[in-house]
N, C-alpha and C. Protein backbone atom coordinates (compact mmCIF):
# COMPACT_ATOMS: atom_id res chain seq x y z
N MET A 1 -7.21 -2.33 13.36
CA MET A 1 -6.09 -1.92 12.53
C MET A 1 -5.12 -1.09 13.38
N CYS A 2 -3.83 -1.30 13.15
CA CYS A 2 -2.84 -0.42 13.75
C CYS A 2 -1.79 -0.12 12.69
N GLU A 3 -1.03 0.91 12.95
CA GLU A 3 0.01 1.29 11.99
C GLU A 3 1.22 1.82 12.72
N GLY A 4 2.31 1.88 11.98
CA GLY A 4 3.55 2.40 12.54
C GLY A 4 4.30 3.20 11.49
N ARG A 5 5.07 4.17 11.95
CA ARG A 5 5.89 5.02 11.07
C ARG A 5 7.26 5.17 11.71
N CYS A 6 8.27 5.28 10.87
CA CYS A 6 9.62 5.53 11.36
C CYS A 6 9.72 6.96 11.89
N HIS A 7 10.85 7.32 12.44
CA HIS A 7 11.03 8.64 13.05
C HIS A 7 10.83 9.77 12.06
N CYS A 8 11.36 9.62 10.85
CA CYS A 8 11.23 10.70 9.85
C CYS A 8 9.94 10.61 9.06
N GLY A 9 9.21 9.49 9.15
CA GLY A 9 7.91 9.35 8.49
C GLY A 9 7.94 8.80 7.08
N LYS A 10 9.11 8.45 6.55
CA LYS A 10 9.18 7.98 5.15
C LYS A 10 8.85 6.50 4.99
N VAL A 11 8.94 5.73 6.07
CA VAL A 11 8.73 4.29 6.04
C VAL A 11 7.70 3.93 7.11
N GLY A 12 6.88 2.96 6.81
CA GLY A 12 5.89 2.55 7.81
C GLY A 12 5.28 1.22 7.48
N TRP A 13 4.16 0.94 8.11
CA TRP A 13 3.39 -0.27 7.85
C TRP A 13 1.98 -0.08 8.38
N ARG A 14 1.07 -0.88 7.83
CA ARG A 14 -0.31 -0.95 8.29
C ARG A 14 -0.63 -2.41 8.57
N TYR A 15 -1.27 -2.66 9.67
CA TYR A 15 -1.67 -4.01 10.06
C TYR A 15 -3.19 -4.01 10.14
N ASP A 16 -3.84 -4.75 9.26
CA ASP A 16 -5.29 -4.68 9.12
C ASP A 16 -6.09 -5.44 10.17
N SER A 17 -5.47 -6.34 10.90
CA SER A 17 -6.17 -7.10 11.93
C SER A 17 -5.79 -6.54 13.30
N GLU A 18 -6.41 -7.08 14.34
CA GLU A 18 -6.00 -6.76 15.70
C GLU A 18 -4.94 -7.79 16.08
N PRO A 19 -3.69 -7.35 16.32
CA PRO A 19 -2.66 -8.32 16.70
C PRO A 19 -3.01 -8.99 18.03
N GLU A 20 -2.67 -10.28 18.13
CA GLU A 20 -2.94 -11.02 19.36
C GLU A 20 -1.88 -10.75 20.43
N ALA A 21 -0.66 -10.48 20.00
CA ALA A 21 0.45 -10.27 20.93
C ALA A 21 1.61 -9.66 20.17
N ALA A 22 2.58 -9.19 20.91
CA ALA A 22 3.85 -8.74 20.33
C ALA A 22 4.92 -9.70 20.84
N THR A 23 5.87 -10.03 19.98
CA THR A 23 6.89 -11.02 20.33
C THR A 23 8.24 -10.37 20.55
N VAL A 24 8.90 -10.81 21.61
CA VAL A 24 10.28 -10.46 21.89
C VAL A 24 11.10 -11.71 21.59
N CYS A 25 12.15 -11.56 20.80
CA CYS A 25 13.03 -12.67 20.44
C CYS A 25 14.43 -12.38 20.97
N ASN A 26 15.11 -13.41 21.42
CA ASN A 26 16.47 -13.25 21.95
C ASN A 26 17.55 -13.77 21.01
N CYS A 27 17.23 -13.91 19.73
CA CYS A 27 18.24 -14.39 18.78
C CYS A 27 19.37 -13.36 18.68
N THR A 28 20.41 -13.70 17.97
CA THR A 28 21.59 -12.84 17.91
C THR A 28 21.32 -11.49 17.27
N ILE A 29 20.29 -11.40 16.44
CA ILE A 29 20.00 -10.11 15.80
C ILE A 29 18.88 -9.36 16.52
N CYS A 30 17.79 -10.03 16.88
CA CYS A 30 16.66 -9.35 17.51
C CYS A 30 17.02 -8.75 18.86
N ARG A 31 17.85 -9.42 19.62
CA ARG A 31 18.22 -8.85 20.92
C ARG A 31 19.01 -7.56 20.74
N ARG A 32 19.72 -7.42 19.64
CA ARG A 32 20.45 -6.18 19.36
C ARG A 32 19.51 -5.06 18.90
N TYR A 33 18.48 -5.42 18.12
CA TYR A 33 17.55 -4.43 17.61
C TYR A 33 16.56 -3.96 18.68
N GLY A 34 16.18 -4.84 19.59
CA GLY A 34 15.20 -4.49 20.61
C GLY A 34 13.79 -4.34 20.07
N ALA A 35 13.51 -4.99 18.97
CA ALA A 35 12.19 -4.87 18.33
C ALA A 35 11.13 -5.66 19.08
N LEU A 36 9.89 -5.25 18.91
CA LEU A 36 8.72 -6.00 19.33
C LEU A 36 7.95 -6.32 18.06
N TRP A 37 7.82 -7.61 17.74
CA TRP A 37 7.29 -8.03 16.45
C TRP A 37 5.83 -8.41 16.51
N ILE A 38 5.07 -8.02 15.48
CA ILE A 38 3.76 -8.61 15.21
C ILE A 38 3.83 -9.23 13.82
N TYR A 39 3.20 -10.38 13.67
CA TYR A 39 3.36 -11.20 12.47
C TYR A 39 2.12 -11.19 11.60
N GLY A 40 2.34 -11.38 10.32
CA GLY A 40 1.24 -11.50 9.39
C GLY A 40 1.74 -11.92 8.03
N VAL A 41 0.85 -11.88 7.07
CA VAL A 41 1.17 -12.23 5.69
C VAL A 41 1.17 -10.94 4.88
N GLU A 42 2.29 -10.67 4.22
CA GLU A 42 2.42 -9.45 3.43
C GLU A 42 1.35 -9.42 2.34
N GLY A 43 0.68 -8.29 2.24
CA GLY A 43 -0.36 -8.12 1.23
C GLY A 43 -1.73 -8.60 1.68
N GLN A 44 -1.79 -9.37 2.76
CA GLN A 44 -3.09 -9.78 3.31
C GLN A 44 -3.44 -8.94 4.52
N ASP A 45 -2.67 -9.10 5.60
CA ASP A 45 -2.95 -8.29 6.78
C ASP A 45 -1.81 -7.34 7.14
N VAL A 46 -0.66 -7.50 6.51
CA VAL A 46 0.48 -6.62 6.76
C VAL A 46 0.85 -5.90 5.46
N HIS A 47 0.94 -4.57 5.55
CA HIS A 47 1.21 -3.76 4.37
C HIS A 47 2.35 -2.77 4.67
N PRO A 48 3.59 -3.14 4.34
CA PRO A 48 4.70 -2.21 4.53
C PRO A 48 4.65 -1.09 3.51
N THR A 49 5.14 0.09 3.90
CA THR A 49 5.14 1.23 3.00
C THR A 49 6.50 1.91 3.01
N GLY A 50 6.81 2.54 1.91
CA GLY A 50 8.03 3.33 1.81
C GLY A 50 9.23 2.53 1.32
N PRO A 51 10.21 3.22 0.76
CA PRO A 51 11.43 2.56 0.30
C PRO A 51 12.33 2.23 1.48
N THR A 52 12.78 0.99 1.54
CA THR A 52 13.63 0.57 2.65
C THR A 52 15.00 0.12 2.15
N THR A 53 15.91 0.02 3.08
CA THR A 53 17.21 -0.59 2.86
C THR A 53 17.18 -1.92 3.60
N ALA A 54 17.68 -2.98 2.98
CA ALA A 54 17.60 -4.31 3.60
C ALA A 54 18.96 -4.83 4.00
N TYR A 55 18.97 -5.54 5.10
CA TYR A 55 20.12 -6.32 5.54
C TYR A 55 19.70 -7.77 5.46
N VAL A 56 20.42 -8.58 4.71
CA VAL A 56 20.13 -10.01 4.59
C VAL A 56 21.07 -10.74 5.54
N THR A 57 20.50 -11.62 6.37
CA THR A 57 21.31 -12.34 7.35
C THR A 57 22.36 -13.20 6.65
N GLU A 58 23.38 -13.53 7.41
CA GLU A 58 24.47 -14.36 6.87
C GLU A 58 23.95 -15.70 6.36
N ALA A 59 22.96 -16.25 7.03
CA ALA A 59 22.36 -17.51 6.59
C ALA A 59 21.55 -17.32 5.31
N GLY A 60 21.20 -16.06 5.00
CA GLY A 60 20.50 -15.77 3.76
C GLY A 60 19.01 -16.04 3.78
N ASN A 61 18.44 -16.25 4.98
CA ASN A 61 17.03 -16.61 5.03
C ASN A 61 16.09 -15.46 5.40
N LEU A 62 16.62 -14.39 6.00
CA LEU A 62 15.79 -13.26 6.41
C LEU A 62 16.36 -11.94 5.92
N GLU A 63 15.44 -11.04 5.57
CA GLU A 63 15.79 -9.65 5.24
C GLU A 63 15.24 -8.77 6.35
N PHE A 64 16.06 -7.90 6.89
CA PHE A 64 15.61 -6.89 7.86
C PHE A 64 15.57 -5.56 7.13
N HIS A 65 14.44 -4.88 7.19
CA HIS A 65 14.23 -3.65 6.43
C HIS A 65 14.24 -2.42 7.33
N PHE A 66 14.98 -1.39 6.90
CA PHE A 66 15.19 -0.16 7.64
C PHE A 66 14.84 1.04 6.80
N CYS A 67 14.51 2.14 7.45
CA CYS A 67 14.37 3.41 6.76
C CYS A 67 15.77 3.87 6.37
N PRO A 68 15.99 4.19 5.09
CA PRO A 68 17.32 4.63 4.67
C PRO A 68 17.68 6.03 5.18
N THR A 69 16.70 6.77 5.68
CA THR A 69 16.97 8.12 6.17
C THR A 69 17.25 8.13 7.68
N CYS A 70 16.31 7.62 8.48
CA CYS A 70 16.49 7.70 9.94
C CYS A 70 16.98 6.41 10.57
N GLY A 71 16.98 5.30 9.82
CA GLY A 71 17.52 4.04 10.32
C GLY A 71 16.58 3.20 11.14
N ASN A 72 15.34 3.61 11.35
CA ASN A 72 14.42 2.80 12.13
C ASN A 72 14.14 1.47 11.45
N LEU A 73 14.07 0.42 12.27
CA LEU A 73 13.80 -0.93 11.80
C LEU A 73 12.30 -1.09 11.56
N GLN A 74 11.92 -1.38 10.33
CA GLN A 74 10.52 -1.52 9.95
C GLN A 74 10.02 -2.96 10.08
N SER A 75 10.78 -3.93 9.52
CA SER A 75 10.21 -5.27 9.38
C SER A 75 11.30 -6.30 9.09
N TRP A 76 10.88 -7.57 9.13
CA TRP A 76 11.69 -8.63 8.53
C TRP A 76 10.78 -9.43 7.61
N ARG A 77 11.41 -10.02 6.60
CA ARG A 77 10.72 -10.87 5.63
C ARG A 77 11.55 -12.11 5.38
N LEU A 78 10.87 -13.17 5.01
CA LEU A 78 11.57 -14.35 4.51
C LEU A 78 12.14 -14.03 3.15
N VAL A 79 13.36 -14.47 2.88
CA VAL A 79 13.96 -14.26 1.56
C VAL A 79 13.28 -15.16 0.55
N ASP A 80 13.12 -16.44 0.88
CA ASP A 80 12.46 -17.39 0.00
C ASP A 80 10.99 -17.44 0.38
N LYS A 81 10.18 -16.67 -0.29
CA LYS A 81 8.77 -16.57 0.07
C LYS A 81 7.98 -17.81 -0.31
N THR A 82 8.60 -18.77 -0.98
CA THR A 82 7.91 -20.00 -1.35
C THR A 82 8.19 -21.12 -0.35
N SER A 83 9.00 -20.85 0.67
CA SER A 83 9.39 -21.92 1.60
C SER A 83 8.29 -22.26 2.60
N GLU A 84 7.30 -21.41 2.74
CA GLU A 84 6.18 -21.69 3.63
C GLU A 84 4.89 -21.53 2.84
N PRO A 85 3.83 -22.26 3.24
CA PRO A 85 2.56 -22.15 2.51
C PRO A 85 2.04 -20.70 2.49
N THR A 86 2.17 -19.98 3.59
CA THR A 86 1.80 -18.57 3.64
C THR A 86 3.02 -17.81 4.16
N PRO A 87 3.75 -17.19 3.27
CA PRO A 87 5.00 -16.53 3.69
C PRO A 87 4.73 -15.40 4.67
N ARG A 88 5.31 -15.53 5.85
CA ARG A 88 5.10 -14.55 6.90
C ARG A 88 6.14 -13.45 6.84
N MET A 89 5.75 -12.37 7.46
CA MET A 89 6.69 -11.29 7.72
C MET A 89 6.31 -10.73 9.09
N ALA A 90 7.17 -9.91 9.63
CA ALA A 90 6.89 -9.28 10.91
C ALA A 90 7.21 -7.80 10.81
N VAL A 91 6.41 -6.98 11.50
CA VAL A 91 6.67 -5.55 11.56
C VAL A 91 6.95 -5.17 13.01
N ASN A 92 7.75 -4.14 13.16
CA ASN A 92 8.21 -3.68 14.46
C ASN A 92 7.15 -2.78 15.09
N VAL A 93 6.47 -3.28 16.12
CA VAL A 93 5.40 -2.53 16.76
C VAL A 93 5.93 -1.32 17.52
N ARG A 94 7.23 -1.23 17.71
CA ARG A 94 7.80 -0.04 18.36
C ARG A 94 7.65 1.21 17.49
N LEU A 95 7.28 1.04 16.22
CA LEU A 95 7.01 2.19 15.36
C LEU A 95 5.60 2.73 15.55
N SER A 96 4.79 2.07 16.37
CA SER A 96 3.41 2.50 16.62
C SER A 96 3.37 3.52 17.75
N ALA A 97 2.26 4.24 17.82
CA ALA A 97 2.01 5.09 18.98
C ALA A 97 1.79 4.16 20.18
N PRO A 98 2.50 4.38 21.28
CA PRO A 98 2.43 3.45 22.42
C PRO A 98 1.01 3.16 22.90
N GLU A 99 0.15 4.17 22.92
CA GLU A 99 -1.20 3.95 23.45
C GLU A 99 -2.04 3.01 22.59
N THR A 100 -1.68 2.82 21.33
CA THR A 100 -2.47 1.94 20.45
C THR A 100 -2.11 0.47 20.61
N VAL A 101 -0.95 0.18 21.19
CA VAL A 101 -0.51 -1.22 21.32
C VAL A 101 -0.13 -1.59 22.75
N ALA A 102 -0.30 -0.67 23.68
CA ALA A 102 0.13 -0.89 25.08
C ALA A 102 -0.51 -2.13 25.71
N HIS A 103 -1.72 -2.46 25.30
CA HIS A 103 -2.47 -3.57 25.89
C HIS A 103 -2.01 -4.95 25.41
N LEU A 104 -1.23 -5.01 24.35
CA LEU A 104 -0.86 -6.31 23.77
C LEU A 104 0.02 -7.11 24.73
N PRO A 105 -0.31 -8.40 24.94
CA PRO A 105 0.58 -9.24 25.75
C PRO A 105 1.89 -9.50 25.01
N ILE A 106 2.92 -9.77 25.76
CA ILE A 106 4.24 -10.08 25.20
C ILE A 106 4.41 -11.60 25.13
N ASP A 107 4.77 -12.09 23.96
CA ASP A 107 5.19 -13.48 23.79
C ASP A 107 6.71 -13.49 23.71
N HIS A 108 7.30 -14.51 24.28
CA HIS A 108 8.76 -14.65 24.25
C HIS A 108 9.11 -15.81 23.33
N PHE A 109 10.07 -15.58 22.44
CA PHE A 109 10.54 -16.62 21.54
C PHE A 109 12.03 -16.81 21.76
N ASP A 110 12.43 -18.05 22.05
CA ASP A 110 13.84 -18.36 22.26
C ASP A 110 14.48 -18.68 20.92
N GLY A 111 14.91 -17.63 20.23
CA GLY A 111 15.57 -17.79 18.94
C GLY A 111 17.06 -18.06 19.07
N LEU A 112 17.56 -18.06 20.30
CA LEU A 112 18.98 -18.27 20.52
C LEU A 112 19.32 -19.73 20.79
N HIS A 113 18.49 -20.41 21.60
CA HIS A 113 18.82 -21.77 22.01
C HIS A 113 17.88 -22.83 21.44
N SER A 114 16.62 -22.76 21.86
CA SER A 114 15.69 -23.85 21.55
C SER A 114 14.84 -23.63 20.31
N PHE A 115 14.75 -22.40 19.83
CA PHE A 115 13.89 -22.03 18.71
C PHE A 115 12.44 -22.40 19.00
N GLU A 116 12.00 -22.11 20.24
CA GLU A 116 10.65 -22.43 20.68
C GLU A 116 10.01 -21.24 21.37
N ASP A 117 8.67 -21.24 21.35
CA ASP A 117 7.92 -20.25 22.11
C ASP A 117 8.07 -20.57 23.59
N LEU A 118 8.17 -19.53 24.42
CA LEU A 118 8.25 -19.68 25.86
C LEU A 118 6.92 -19.24 26.47
N PRO A 119 6.64 -19.66 27.71
CA PRO A 119 5.36 -19.26 28.32
C PRO A 119 5.27 -17.75 28.55
N ARG A 120 4.07 -17.22 28.45
CA ARG A 120 3.85 -15.81 28.76
C ARG A 120 4.07 -15.58 30.25
N ASP A 121 4.56 -14.39 30.57
CA ASP A 121 4.83 -14.06 31.98
C ASP A 121 3.96 -12.91 32.48
N GLY A 122 2.94 -12.54 31.71
CA GLY A 122 2.01 -11.51 32.15
C GLY A 122 2.38 -10.10 31.72
N ARG A 123 3.56 -9.91 31.15
CA ARG A 123 3.93 -8.56 30.71
C ARG A 123 3.21 -8.18 29.44
N ARG A 124 3.07 -6.88 29.26
CA ARG A 124 2.44 -6.30 28.08
C ARG A 124 3.38 -5.29 27.47
N VAL A 125 3.06 -4.83 26.27
CA VAL A 125 3.89 -3.83 25.60
C VAL A 125 4.13 -2.64 26.52
N GLN A 126 3.12 -2.22 27.25
CA GLN A 126 3.28 -1.07 28.14
C GLN A 126 4.38 -1.27 29.17
N ASP A 127 4.70 -2.52 29.51
CA ASP A 127 5.77 -2.80 30.47
C ASP A 127 7.16 -2.62 29.85
N TYR A 128 7.22 -2.61 28.53
CA TYR A 128 8.50 -2.38 27.84
C TYR A 128 8.71 -0.91 27.55
N TRP A 129 7.63 -0.12 27.59
CA TRP A 129 7.72 1.34 27.46
C TRP A 129 7.33 1.90 28.80
N PHE A 130 8.20 2.58 29.45
CA PHE A 130 7.90 3.10 30.79
C PHE A 130 7.62 4.58 30.80
């Protein structure tokens, strides 16, 4: 299990499994946020907490959730939770204590061009926090 909290502590999440990796995405929004994502199913292995403010993408398919007080990015969710057999969400592992997630390998997702997973290059979360 790992967990994360925003800077002021009002918003967070709990992840009940051991994440396999953290994902970096280069899409037009994720590259601006600088988030490191771990994925799961809300209510099964991912449990967001606290009241958030949401930004819905122009395409209308994703909600990005923030702490309304300190502005930290908590998660993203699918808007239409019925569009996939198990509706996924992702939480921002940068809200975790670095030592609890430093070992996780980094997966790269090309959300800008190909919408495909890219090969791992050996980096870990600890390489993104110096």
